[in-house]
Amino acid sequence: MGSENSSEVTKSRAKVLADEIGSWHLDVFIDGVVSALLSLFQKLTGKRPRCKVDGGSNIENLGLQNIQARIRMVLAFMLASLLPWVHNKPGFFLVLGSSNVDEGLRGYLTKIG
């Protein structure tokens, strides 16, 4: 689930890992969803956050990073619950998470599909 901020190396690693474990791989770009959320935020507040490299603050930068992480989590859960239905199969897929115990207990973990 790449974005304009994802390197080619990162995207190729995801594909290689999926191939190595025999997983089905989708190459998904989330830029459109990020843009839609930022437009909604701007409509509500009159401000549009910018990345630090584009002159934004640390607060803006962190917020923009978290938007991408949360979009990935929501999309992973949507795919996990609905892809079996798309393929006329019963059940659902498992969404895995990776974090340390502290992050898990606080709910600050990014789940991956």
PDB file of N, CA and C in Angstrom:
ATOM      1  N   MET A   1       0.847  -1.172   0.000  1.00  0.00           N
ATOM      2  CA  MET A   1       0.000   0.000   0.000  1.00  0.00           C
ATOM      3  C   MET A   1       0.893   1.236   0.000  1.00  0.00           C
ATOM      4  N   GLY A   2       1.455   1.503  -1.155  1.00  0.00           N
ATOM      5  CA  GLY A   2       2.404   2.592  -1.285  1.00  0.00           C
ATOM      6  C   GLY A   2       1.754   3.944  -1.489  1.00  0.00           C
ATOM      7  N   SER A   3       2.586   4.955  -1.346  1.00  0.00           N
ATOM      8  CA  SER A   3       2.166   6.331  -1.588  1.00  0.00           C
ATOM      9  C   SER A   3       3.281   7.043  -2.328  1.00  0.00           C
ATOM     10  N   GLU A   4       3.070   8.313  -2.595  1.00  0.00           N
ATOM     11  CA  GLU A   4       4.113   9.100  -3.253  1.00  0.00           C
ATOM     12  C   GLU A   4       5.388   9.139  -2.420  1.00  0.00           C
ATOM     13  N   ASN A   5       5.285   8.808  -1.152  1.00  0.00           N
ATOM     14  CA  ASN A   5       6.435   8.796  -0.252  1.00  0.00           C
ATOM     15  C   ASN A   5       7.150   7.450  -0.198  1.00  0.00           C
ATOM     16  N   SER A   6       6.629   6.451  -0.891  1.00  0.00           N
ATOM     17  CA  SER A   6       7.217   5.115  -0.871  1.00  0.00           C
ATOM     18  C   SER A   6       8.306   5.003  -1.933  1.00  0.00           C
ATOM     19  N   SER A   7       9.418   4.441  -1.539  1.00  0.00           N
ATOM     20  CA  SER A   7      10.512   4.243  -2.498  1.00  0.00           C
ATOM     21  C   SER A   7      10.262   2.996  -3.338  1.00  0.00           C
ATOM     22  N   GLU A   8      10.929   2.924  -4.462  1.00  0.00           N
ATOM     23  CA  GLU A   8      10.848   1.739  -5.311  1.00  0.00           C
ATOM     24  C   GLU A   8      11.389   0.518  -4.572  1.00  0.00           C
ATOM     25  N   VAL A   9      12.403   0.724  -3.739  1.00  0.00           N
ATOM     26  CA  VAL A   9      12.982  -0.382  -2.963  1.00  0.00           C
ATOM     27  C   VAL A   9      11.928  -0.966  -2.020  1.00  0.00           C
ATOM     28  N   THR A  10      11.206  -0.095  -1.338  1.00  0.00           N
ATOM     29  CA  THR A  10      10.175  -0.559  -0.411  1.00  0.00           C
ATOM     30  C   THR A  10       9.096  -1.338  -1.151  1.00  0.00           C
ATOM     31  N   LYS A  11       8.639  -0.798  -2.270  1.00  0.00           N
ATOM     32  CA  LYS A  11       7.594  -1.467  -3.034  1.00  0.00           C
ATOM     33  C   LYS A  11       8.067  -2.821  -3.567  1.00  0.00           C
ATOM     34  N   SER A  12       9.311  -2.906  -4.024  1.00  0.00           N
ATOM     35  CA  SER A  12       9.808  -4.182  -4.544  1.00  0.00           C
ATOM     36  C   SER A  12       9.986  -5.197  -3.423  1.00  0.00           C
ATOM     37  N   ARG A  13      10.364  -4.736  -2.238  1.00  0.00           N
ATOM     38  CA  ARG A  13      10.497  -5.670  -1.100  1.00  0.00           C
ATOM     39  C   ARG A  13       9.163  -6.307  -0.756  1.00  0.00           C
ATOM     40  N   ALA A  14       8.085  -5.549  -0.809  1.00  0.00           N
ATOM     41  CA  ALA A  14       6.759  -6.093  -0.510  1.00  0.00           C
ATOM     42  C   ALA A  14       6.399  -7.195  -1.501  1.00  0.00           C
ATOM     43  N   LYS A  15       6.678  -6.970  -2.762  1.00  0.00           N
ATOM     44  CA  LYS A  15       6.384  -7.963  -3.794  1.00  0.00           C
ATOM     45  C   LYS A  15       7.239  -9.211  -3.609  1.00  0.00           C
ATOM     46  N   VAL A  16       8.525  -9.035  -3.349  1.00  0.00           N
ATOM     47  CA  VAL A  16       9.433 -10.171  -3.146  1.00  0.00           C
ATOM     48  C   VAL A  16       8.989 -10.998  -1.942  1.00  0.00           C
ATOM     49  N   LEU A  17       8.661 -10.327  -0.838  1.00  0.00           N
ATOM     50  CA  LEU A  17       8.209 -11.044   0.356  1.00  0.00           C
ATOM     51  C   LEU A  17       6.935 -11.830   0.067  1.00  0.00           C
ATOM     52  N   ALA A  18       5.978 -11.208  -0.600  1.00  0.00           N
ATOM     53  CA  ALA A  18       4.736 -11.910  -0.938  1.00  0.00           C
ATOM     54  C   ALA A  18       5.022 -13.146  -1.785  1.00  0.00           C
ATOM     55  N   ASP A  19       5.903 -13.009  -2.759  1.00  0.00           N
ATOM     56  CA  ASP A  19       6.261 -14.153  -3.606  1.00  0.00           C
ATOM     57  C   ASP A  19       6.924 -15.258  -2.788  1.00  0.00           C
ATOM     58  N   GLU A  20       7.815 -14.879  -1.876  1.00  0.00           N
ATOM     59  CA  GLU A  20       8.549 -15.867  -1.076  1.00  0.00           C
ATOM     60  C   GLU A  20       7.639 -16.673  -0.158  1.00  0.00           C
ATOM     61  N   ILE A  21       6.591 -16.059   0.354  1.00  0.00           N
ATOM     62  CA  ILE A  21       5.705 -16.775   1.280  1.00  0.00           C
ATOM     63  C   ILE A  21       4.457 -17.317   0.580  1.00  0.00           C
ATOM     64  N   GLY A  22       4.389 -17.130  -0.737  1.00  0.00           N
ATOM     65  CA  GLY A  22       3.251 -17.652  -1.490  1.00  0.00           C
ATOM     66  C   GLY A  22       1.972 -16.868  -1.278  1.00  0.00           C
ATOM     67  N   SER A  23       2.107 -15.596  -1.012  1.00  0.00           N
ATOM     68  CA  SER A  23       0.949 -14.749  -0.756  1.00  0.00           C
ATOM     69  C   SER A  23       0.486 -14.049  -2.026  1.00  0.00           C
ATOM     70  N   TRP A  24      -0.776 -13.684  -2.038  1.00  0.00           N
ATOM     71  CA  TRP A  24      -1.327 -12.912  -3.134  1.00  0.00           C
ATOM     72  C   TRP A  24      -0.925 -11.462  -2.912  1.00  0.00           C
ATOM     73  N   HIS A  25      -0.410 -10.805  -3.931  1.00  0.00           N
ATOM     74  CA  HIS A  25       0.108  -9.441  -3.784  1.00  0.00           C
ATOM     75  C   HIS A  25      -0.702  -8.469  -4.628  1.00  0.00           C
ATOM     76  N   LEU A  26      -1.124  -7.382  -4.006  1.00  0.00           N
ATOM     77  CA  LEU A  26      -1.772  -6.281  -4.710  1.00  0.00           C
ATOM     78  C   LEU A  26      -0.884  -5.057  -4.587  1.00  0.00           C
ATOM     79  N   ASP A  27      -0.697  -4.342  -5.671  1.00  0.00           N
ATOM     80  CA  ASP A  27       0.063  -3.100  -5.651  1.00  0.00           C
ATOM     81  C   ASP A  27      -0.943  -1.961  -5.587  1.00  0.00           C
ATOM     82  N   VAL A  28      -1.129  -1.398  -4.408  1.00  0.00           N
ATOM     83  CA  VAL A  28      -2.165  -0.393  -4.172  1.00  0.00           C
ATOM     84  C   VAL A  28      -1.518   0.925  -3.797  1.00  0.00           C
ATOM     85  N   PHE A  29      -2.010   2.002  -4.392  1.00  0.00           N
ATOM     86  CA  PHE A  29      -1.525   3.336  -4.040  1.00  0.00           C
ATOM     87  C   PHE A  29      -2.627   4.078  -3.309  1.00  0.00           C
ATOM     88  N   ILE A  30      -2.286   4.665  -2.178  1.00  0.00           N
ATOM     89  CA  ILE A  30      -3.281   5.288  -1.307  1.00  0.00           C
ATOM     90  C   ILE A  30      -3.328   6.806  -1.449  1.00  0.00           C
ATOM     91  N   ASP A  31      -2.601   7.372  -2.408  1.00  0.00           N
ATOM     92  CA  ASP A  31      -2.524   8.823  -2.546  1.00  0.00           C
ATOM     93  C   ASP A  31      -3.890   9.479  -2.720  1.00  0.00           C
ATOM     94  N   GLY A  32      -4.783   8.850  -3.463  1.00  0.00           N
ATOM     95  CA  GLY A  32      -6.115   9.427  -3.670  1.00  0.00           C
ATOM     96  C   GLY A  32      -6.900   9.547  -2.380  1.00  0.00           C
ATOM     97  N   VAL A  33      -6.793   8.535  -1.523  1.00  0.00           N
ATOM     98  CA  VAL A  33      -7.501   8.559  -0.236  1.00  0.00           C
ATOM     99  C   VAL A  33      -6.884   9.612   0.683  1.00  0.00           C
ATOM    100  N   VAL A  34      -5.545   9.687   0.691  1.00  0.00           N
ATOM    101  CA  VAL A  34      -4.857  10.699   1.497  1.00  0.00           C
ATOM    102  C   VAL A  34      -5.299  12.090   1.053  1.00  0.00           C
ATOM    103  N   SER A  35      -5.326  12.317  -0.236  1.00  0.00           N
ATOM    104  CA  SER A  35      -5.728  13.616  -0.779  1.00  0.00           C
ATOM    105  C   SER A  35      -7.164  13.964  -0.398  1.00  0.00           C
ATOM    106  N   ALA A  36      -8.054  12.969  -0.466  1.00  0.00           N
ATOM    107  CA  ALA A  36      -9.456  13.209  -0.098  1.00  0.00           C
ATOM    108  C   ALA A  36      -9.580  13.608   1.370  1.00  0.00           C
ATOM    109  N   LEU A  37      -8.844  12.924   2.239  1.00  0.00           N
ATOM    110  CA  LEU A  37      -8.891  13.271   3.669  1.00  0.00           C
ATOM    111  C   LEU A  37      -8.305  14.653   3.929  1.00  0.00           C
ATOM    112  N   LEU A  38      -7.222  14.978   3.240  1.00  0.00           N
ATOM    113  CA  LEU A  38      -6.624  16.303   3.421  1.00  0.00           C
ATOM    114  C   LEU A  38      -7.552  17.405   2.905  1.00  0.00           C
ATOM    115  N   SER A  39      -8.263  17.151   1.823  1.00  0.00           N
ATOM    116  CA  SER A  39      -9.232  18.121   1.315  1.00  0.00           C
ATOM    117  C   SER A  39     -10.374  18.325   2.309  1.00  0.00           C
ATOM    118  N   LEU A  40     -10.847  17.234   2.899  1.00  0.00           N
ATOM    119  CA  LEU A  40     -11.891  17.338   3.919  1.00  0.00           C
ATOM    120  C   LEU A  40     -11.383  18.113   5.127  1.00  0.00           C
ATOM    121  N   PHE A  41     -10.166  17.810   5.576  1.00  0.00           N
ATOM    122  CA  PHE A  41      -9.570  18.529   6.703  1.00  0.00           C
ATOM    123  C   PHE A  41      -9.488  20.022   6.389  1.00  0.00           C
ATOM    124  N   GLN A  42      -9.055  20.341   5.179  1.00  0.00           N
ATOM    125  CA  GLN A  42      -8.917  21.744   4.780  1.00  0.00           C
ATOM    126  C   GLN A  42     -10.282  22.432   4.745  1.00  0.00           C
ATOM    127  N   LYS A  43     -11.296  21.728   4.278  1.00  0.00           N
ATOM    128  CA  LYS A  43     -12.646  22.296   4.247  1.00  0.00           C
ATOM    129  C   LYS A  43     -13.148  22.579   5.665  1.00  0.00           C
ATOM    130  N   LEU A  44     -12.825  21.689   6.595  1.00  0.00           N
ATOM    131  CA  LEU A  44     -13.281  21.845   7.976  1.00  0.00           C
ATOM    132  C   LEU A  44     -12.509  22.912   8.747  1.00  0.00           C
ATOM    133  N   THR A  45     -11.208  23.039   8.459  1.00  0.00           N
ATOM    134  CA  THR A  45     -10.355  23.903   9.288  1.00  0.00           C
ATOM    135  C   THR A  45      -9.804  25.126   8.572  1.00  0.00           C
ATOM    136  N   GLY A  46      -9.831  25.106   7.247  1.00  0.00           N
ATOM    137  CA  GLY A  46      -9.226  26.191   6.483  1.00  0.00           C
ATOM    138  C   GLY A  46      -7.721  26.059   6.340  1.00  0.00           C
ATOM    139  N   LYS A  47      -7.149  24.978   6.852  1.00  0.00           N
ATOM    140  CA  LYS A  47      -5.702  24.755   6.758  1.00  0.00           C
ATOM    141  C   LYS A  47      -5.429  23.393   6.161  1.00  0.00           C
ATOM    142  N   ARG A  48      -4.290  23.303   5.460  1.00  0.00           N
ATOM    143  CA  ARG A  48      -3.864  22.034   4.879  1.00  0.00           C
ATOM    144  C   ARG A  48      -2.448  21.731   5.368  1.00  0.00           C
ATOM    145  N   PRO A  49      -2.261  20.634   6.096  1.00  0.00           N
ATOM    146  CA  PRO A  49      -0.923  20.303   6.622  1.00  0.00           C
ATOM    147  C   PRO A  49       0.049  19.956   5.502  1.00  0.00           C
ATOM    148  N   ARG A  50       1.326  20.247   5.758  1.00  0.00           N
ATOM    149  CA  ARG A  50       2.394  19.956   4.797  1.00  0.00           C
ATOM    150  C   ARG A  50       3.469  19.114   5.474  1.00  0.00           C
ATOM    151  N   CYS A  51       4.138  18.311   4.670  1.00  0.00           N
ATOM    152  CA  CYS A  51       5.280  17.541   5.172  1.00  0.00           C
ATOM    153  C   CYS A  51       6.395  18.503   5.564  1.00  0.00           C
ATOM    154  N   LYS A  52       7.230  18.068   6.477  1.00  0.00           N
ATOM    155  CA  LYS A  52       8.339  18.897   6.937  1.00  0.00           C
ATOM    156  C   LYS A  52       9.260  19.297   5.789  1.00  0.00           C
ATOM    157  N   VAL A  53       9.504  18.386   4.855  1.00  0.00           N
ATOM    158  CA  VAL A  53      10.380  18.701   3.719  1.00  0.00           C
ATOM    159  C   VAL A  53       9.773  19.764   2.810  1.00  0.00           C
ATOM    160  N   ASP A  54       8.472  19.972   2.923  1.00  0.00           N
ATOM    161  CA  ASP A  54       7.792  20.994   2.127  1.00  0.00           C
ATOM    162  C   ASP A  54       7.498  22.251   2.938  1.00  0.00           C
ATOM    163  N   GLY A  55       8.172  22.403   4.084  1.00  0.00           N
ATOM    164  CA  GLY A  55       8.002  23.591   4.906  1.00  0.00           C
ATOM    165  C   GLY A  55       7.035  23.443   6.056  1.00  0.00           C
ATOM    166  N   GLY A  56       6.492  22.244   6.268  1.00  0.00           N
ATOM    167  CA  GLY A  56       5.573  22.014   7.378  1.00  0.00           C
ATOM    168  C   GLY A  56       6.312  21.817   8.690  1.00  0.00           C
ATOM    169  N   SER A  57       5.557  21.754   9.759  1.00  0.00           N
ATOM    170  CA  SER A  57       6.118  21.582  11.101  1.00  0.00           C
ATOM    171  C   SER A  57       6.204  20.102  11.458  1.00  0.00           C
ATOM    172  N   ASN A  58       6.827  19.827  12.602  1.00  0.00           N
ATOM    173  CA  ASN A  58       6.885  18.449  13.100  1.00  0.00           C
ATOM    174  C   ASN A  58       5.486  17.895  13.355  1.00  0.00           C
ATOM    175  N   ILE A  59       4.594  18.732  13.883  1.00  0.00           N
ATOM    176  CA  ILE A  59       3.217  18.306  14.161  1.00  0.00           C
ATOM    177  C   ILE A  59       2.510  17.906  12.862  1.00  0.00           C
ATOM    178  N   GLU A  60       2.648  18.735  11.831  1.00  0.00           N
ATOM    179  CA  GLU A  60       2.035  18.424  10.541  1.00  0.00           C
ATOM    180  C   GLU A  60       2.604  17.133   9.979  1.00  0.00           C
ATOM    181  N   ASN A  61       3.914  17.003  10.052  1.00  0.00           N
ATOM    182  CA  ASN A  61       4.593  15.830   9.517  1.00  0.00           C
ATOM    183  C   ASN A  61       4.089  14.552  10.195  1.00  0.00           C
ATOM    184  N   LEU A  62       4.001  14.567  11.515  1.00  0.00           N
ATOM    185  CA  LEU A  62       3.522  13.394  12.248  1.00  0.00           C
ATOM    186  C   LEU A  62       2.075  13.076  11.880  1.00  0.00           C
ATOM    187  N   GLY A  63       1.250  14.113  11.790  1.00  0.00           N
ATOM    188  CA  GLY A  63      -0.147  13.902  11.406  1.00  0.00           C
ATOM    189  C   GLY A  63      -0.279  13.278  10.031  1.00  0.00           C
ATOM    190  N   LEU A  64       0.526  13.736   9.084  1.00  0.00           N
ATOM    191  CA  LEU A  64       0.482  13.186   7.730  1.00  0.00           C
ATOM    192  C   LEU A  64       0.964  11.742   7.693  1.00  0.00           C
ATOM    193  N   GLN A  65       1.973  11.423   8.485  1.00  0.00           N
ATOM    194  CA  GLN A  65       2.444  10.038   8.552  1.00  0.00           C
ATOM    195  C   GLN A  65       1.361   9.133   9.139  1.00  0.00           C
ATOM    196  N   ASN A  66       0.697   9.610  10.185  1.00  0.00           N
ATOM    197  CA  ASN A  66      -0.339   8.807  10.823  1.00  0.00           C
ATOM    198  C   ASN A  66      -1.546   8.597   9.913  1.00  0.00           C
ATOM    199  N   ILE A  67      -1.873   9.586   9.095  1.00  0.00           N
ATOM    200  CA  ILE A  67      -2.979   9.415   8.149  1.00  0.00           C
ATOM    201  C   ILE A  67      -2.695   8.227   7.237  1.00  0.00           C
ATOM    202  N   GLN A  68      -1.481   8.162   6.706  1.00  0.00           N
ATOM    203  CA  GLN A  68      -1.132   7.065   5.803  1.00  0.00           C
ATOM    204  C   GLN A  68      -1.182   5.712   6.514  1.00  0.00           C
ATOM    205  N   ALA A  69      -0.664   5.659   7.729  1.00  0.00           N
ATOM    206  CA  ALA A  69      -0.677   4.397   8.482  1.00  0.00           C
ATOM    207  C   ALA A  69      -2.109   3.942   8.756  1.00  0.00           C
ATOM    208  N   ARG A  70      -2.980   4.856   9.128  1.00  0.00           N
ATOM    209  CA  ARG A  70      -4.366   4.487   9.448  1.00  0.00           C
ATOM    210  C   ARG A  70      -5.143   4.094   8.197  1.00  0.00           C
ATOM    211  N   ILE A  71      -4.868   4.755   7.077  1.00  0.00           N
ATOM    212  CA  ILE A  71      -5.525   4.359   5.819  1.00  0.00           C
ATOM    213  C   ILE A  71      -5.130   2.932   5.475  1.00  0.00           C
ATOM    214  N   ARG A  72      -3.864   2.610   5.640  1.00  0.00           N
ATOM    215  CA  ARG A  72      -3.408   1.241   5.347  1.00  0.00           C
ATOM    216  C   ARG A  72      -4.113   0.234   6.239  1.00  0.00           C
ATOM    217  N   MET A  73      -4.280   0.579   7.511  1.00  0.00           N
ATOM    218  CA  MET A  73      -4.948  -0.338   8.439  1.00  0.00           C
ATOM    219  C   MET A  73      -6.410  -0.542   8.038  1.00  0.00           C
ATOM    220  N   VAL A  74      -7.118   0.527   7.741  1.00  0.00           N
ATOM    221  CA  VAL A  74      -8.523   0.417   7.357  1.00  0.00           C
ATOM    222  C   VAL A  74      -8.660  -0.404   6.076  1.00  0.00           C
ATOM    223  N   LEU A  75      -7.814  -0.141   5.105  1.00  0.00           N
ATOM    224  CA  LEU A  75      -7.878  -0.883   3.851  1.00  0.00           C
ATOM    225  C   LEU A  75      -7.536  -2.362   4.055  1.00  0.00           C
ATOM    226  N   ALA A  76      -6.566  -2.648   4.917  1.00  0.00           N
ATOM    227  CA  ALA A  76      -6.216  -4.045   5.204  1.00  0.00           C
ATOM    228  C   ALA A  76      -7.404  -4.793   5.792  1.00  0.00           C
ATOM    229  N   PHE A  77      -8.120  -4.164   6.725  1.00  0.00           N
ATOM    230  CA  PHE A  77      -9.287  -4.815   7.324  1.00  0.00           C
ATOM    231  C   PHE A  77     -10.418  -4.959   6.311  1.00  0.00           C
ATOM    232  N   MET A  78     -10.596  -3.966   5.453  1.00  0.00           N
ATOM    233  CA  MET A  78     -11.632  -4.055   4.427  1.00  0.00           C
ATOM    234  C   MET A  78     -11.341  -5.204   3.463  1.00  0.00           C
ATOM    235  N   LEU A  79     -10.090  -5.298   3.014  1.00  0.00           N
ATOM    236  CA  LEU A  79      -9.713  -6.380   2.115  1.00  0.00           C
ATOM    237  C   LEU A  79      -9.847  -7.748   2.795  1.00  0.00           C
ATOM    238  N   ALA A  80      -9.416  -7.819   4.050  1.00  0.00           N
ATOM    239  CA  ALA A  80      -9.476  -9.093   4.777  1.00  0.00           C
ATOM    240  C   ALA A  80     -10.911  -9.586   4.942  1.00  0.00           C
ATOM    241  N   SER A  81     -11.820  -8.665   5.155  1.00  0.00           N
ATOM    242  CA  SER A  81     -13.203  -9.085   5.366  1.00  0.00           C
ATOM    243  C   SER A  81     -13.970  -9.304   4.067  1.00  0.00           C
ATOM    244  N   LEU A  82     -13.594  -8.621   2.987  1.00  0.00           N
ATOM    245  CA  LEU A  82     -14.403  -8.691   1.773  1.00  0.00           C
ATOM    246  C   LEU A  82     -13.793  -9.480   0.606  1.00  0.00           C
ATOM    247  N   LEU A  83     -12.477  -9.694   0.583  1.00  0.00           N
ATOM    248  CA  LEU A  83     -11.897 -10.442  -0.534  1.00  0.00           C
ATOM    249  C   LEU A  83     -12.420 -11.873  -0.655  1.00  0.00           C
ATOM    250  N   PRO A  84     -12.635 -12.587   0.454  1.00  0.00           N
ATOM    251  CA  PRO A  84     -13.228 -13.918   0.285  1.00  0.00           C
ATOM    252  C   PRO A  84     -14.600 -13.847  -0.411  1.00  0.00           C
ATOM    253  N   TRP A  85     -15.386 -12.856  -0.064  1.00  0.00           N
ATOM    254  CA  TRP A  85     -16.687 -12.661  -0.712  1.00  0.00           C
ATOM    255  C   TRP A  85     -16.508 -12.386  -2.204  1.00  0.00           C
ATOM    256  N   VAL A  86     -15.504 -11.547  -2.557  1.00  0.00           N
ATOM    257  CA  VAL A  86     -15.217 -11.239  -3.962  1.00  0.00           C
ATOM    258  C   VAL A  86     -14.927 -12.519  -4.740  1.00  0.00           C
ATOM    259  N   HIS A  87     -14.227 -13.458  -4.098  1.00  0.00           N
ATOM    260  CA  HIS A  87     -13.827 -14.708  -4.754  1.00  0.00           C
ATOM    261  C   HIS A  87     -14.779 -15.869  -4.443  1.00  0.00           C
ATOM    262  N   ASN A  88     -15.975 -15.546  -3.940  1.00  0.00           N
ATOM    263  CA  ASN A  88     -16.999 -16.557  -3.625  1.00  0.00           C
ATOM    264  C   ASN A  88     -16.479 -17.638  -2.684  1.00  0.00           C
ATOM    265  N   LYS A  89     -15.756 -17.220  -1.654  1.00  0.00           N
ATOM    266  CA  LYS A  89     -15.233 -18.154  -0.662  1.00  0.00           C
ATOM    267  C   LYS A  89     -15.775 -17.763   0.717  1.00  0.00           C
ATOM    268  N   PRO A  90     -15.913 -18.727   1.610  1.00  0.00           N
ATOM    269  CA  PRO A  90     -16.396 -18.403   2.959  1.00  0.00           C
ATOM    270  C   PRO A  90     -15.284 -17.809   3.829  1.00  0.00           C
ATOM    271  N   GLY A  91     -15.669 -17.200   4.917  1.00  0.00           N
ATOM    272  CA  GLY A  91     -14.713 -16.746   5.919  1.00  0.00           C
ATOM    273  C   GLY A  91     -14.137 -15.378   5.640  1.00  0.00           C
ATOM    274  N   PHE A  92     -12.941 -15.192   6.174  1.00  0.00           N
ATOM    275  CA  PHE A  92     -12.248 -13.903   6.072  1.00  0.00           C
ATOM    276  C   PHE A  92     -10.761 -14.161   6.146  1.00  0.00           C
ATOM    277  N   PHE A  93      -9.978 -13.172   5.784  1.00  0.00           N
ATOM    278  CA  PHE A  93      -8.527 -13.276   5.895  1.00  0.00           C
ATOM    279  C   PHE A  93      -8.080 -12.702   7.226  1.00  0.00           C
ATOM    280  N   LEU A  94      -6.914 -13.102   7.659  1.00  0.00           N
ATOM    281  CA  LEU A  94      -6.334 -12.643   8.906  1.00  0.00           C
ATOM    282  C   LEU A  94      -5.482 -11.402   8.658  1.00  0.00           C
ATOM    283  N   VAL A  95      -5.633 -10.390   9.512  1.00  0.00           N
ATOM    284  CA  VAL A  95      -4.789  -9.201   9.458  1.00  0.00           C
ATOM    285  C   VAL A  95      -3.801  -9.298  10.600  1.00  0.00           C
ATOM    286  N   LEU A  96      -2.509  -9.255  10.263  1.00  0.00           N
ATOM    287  CA  LEU A  96      -1.458  -9.381  11.263  1.00  0.00           C
ATOM    288  C   LEU A  96      -0.942  -8.007  11.670  1.00  0.00           C
ATOM    289  N   GLY A  97      -0.432  -7.911  12.883  1.00  0.00           N
ATOM    290  CA  GLY A  97       0.144  -6.663  13.357  1.00  0.00           C
ATOM    291  C   GLY A  97       1.551  -6.881  13.870  1.00  0.00           C
ATOM    292  N   SER A  98       2.315  -5.829  13.842  1.00  0.00           N
ATOM    293  CA  SER A  98       3.684  -5.897  14.317  1.00  0.00           C
ATOM    294  C   SER A  98       3.949  -4.672  15.176  1.00  0.00           C
ATOM    295  N   SER A  99       4.301  -4.900  16.423  1.00  0.00           N
ATOM    296  CA  SER A  99       4.589  -3.788  17.336  1.00  0.00           C
ATOM    297  C   SER A  99       5.225  -4.361  18.591  1.00  0.00           C
ATOM    298  N   ASN A 100       5.617  -3.476  19.494  1.00  0.00           N
ATOM    299  CA  ASN A 100       6.064  -3.965  20.790  1.00  0.00           C
ATOM    300  C   ASN A 100       4.865  -3.968  21.740  1.00  0.00           C
ATOM    301  N   VAL A 101       5.019  -4.560  22.910  1.00  0.00           N
ATOM    302  CA  VAL A 101       3.904  -4.705  23.851  1.00  0.00           C
ATOM    303  C   VAL A 101       3.313  -3.351  24.223  1.00  0.00           C
ATOM    304  N   ASP A 102       4.171  -2.369  24.482  1.00  0.00           N
ATOM    305  CA  ASP A 102       3.704  -1.042  24.872  1.00  0.00           C
ATOM    306  C   ASP A 102       2.795  -0.441  23.801  1.00  0.00           C
ATOM    307  N   GLU A 103       3.208  -0.542  22.540  1.00  0.00           N
ATOM    308  CA  GLU A 103       2.383  -0.010  21.454  1.00  0.00           C
ATOM    309  C   GLU A 103       1.065  -0.771  21.357  1.00  0.00           C
ATOM    310  N   GLY A 104       1.127  -2.073  21.492  1.00  0.00           N
ATOM    311  CA  GLY A 104      -0.076  -2.884  21.420  1.00  0.00           C
ATOM    312  C   GLY A 104      -1.081  -2.550  22.510  1.00  0.00           C
ATOM    313  N   LEU A 105      -0.594  -2.371  23.741  1.00  0.00           N
ATOM    314  CA  LEU A 105      -1.484  -2.047  24.856  1.00  0.00           C
ATOM    315  C   LEU A 105      -2.128  -0.672  24.706  1.00  0.00           C
ATOM    316  N   ARG A 106      -1.419   0.247  24.101  1.00  0.00           N
ATOM    317  CA  ARG A 106      -1.960   1.596  23.894  1.00  0.00           C
ATOM    318  C   ARG A 106      -2.790   1.709  22.623  1.00  0.00           C
ATOM    319  N   GLY A 107      -2.779   0.677  21.796  1.00  0.00           N
ATOM    320  CA  GLY A 107      -3.504   0.732  20.541  1.00  0.00           C
ATOM    321  C   GLY A 107      -2.754   1.473  19.459  1.00  0.00           C
ATOM    322  N   TYR A 108      -1.469   1.735  19.686  1.00  0.00           N
ATOM    323  CA  TYR A 108      -0.683   2.460  18.695  1.00  0.00           C
ATOM    324  C   TYR A 108       0.190   1.463  17.953  1.00  0.00           C
ATOM    325  N   LEU A 109      -0.460   0.683  17.119  1.00  0.00           N
ATOM    326  CA  LEU A 109       0.270  -0.249  16.293  1.00  0.00           C
ATOM    327  C   LEU A 109      -0.324  -0.213  14.905  1.00  0.00           C
ATOM    328  N   THR A 110       0.476  -0.463  13.931  1.00  0.00           N
ATOM    329  CA  THR A 110      -0.007  -0.489  12.557  1.00  0.00           C
ATOM    330  C   THR A 110      -0.151  -1.930  12.148  1.00  0.00           C
ATOM    331  N   LYS A 111      -1.355  -2.304  11.783  1.00  0.00           N
ATOM    332  CA  LYS A 111      -1.591  -3.669  11.338  1.00  0.00           C
ATOM    333  C   LYS A 111      -1.313  -3.752   9.851  1.00  0.00           C
ATOM    334  N   ILE A 112      -0.827  -4.915   9.451  1.00  0.00           N
ATOM    335  CA  ILE A 112      -0.522  -5.132   8.047  1.00  0.00           C
ATOM    336  C   ILE A 112      -1.328  -6.309   7.527  1.00  0.00           C
ATOM    337  N   GLY A 113      -1.657  -6.295   6.258  1.00  0.00           N
ATOM    338  CA  GLY A 113      -2.469  -7.384   5.699  1.00  0.00           C
ATOM    339  C   GLY A 113      -1.601  -8.436   5.076  1.00  0.00           C
TER     340      GLY A 113
END
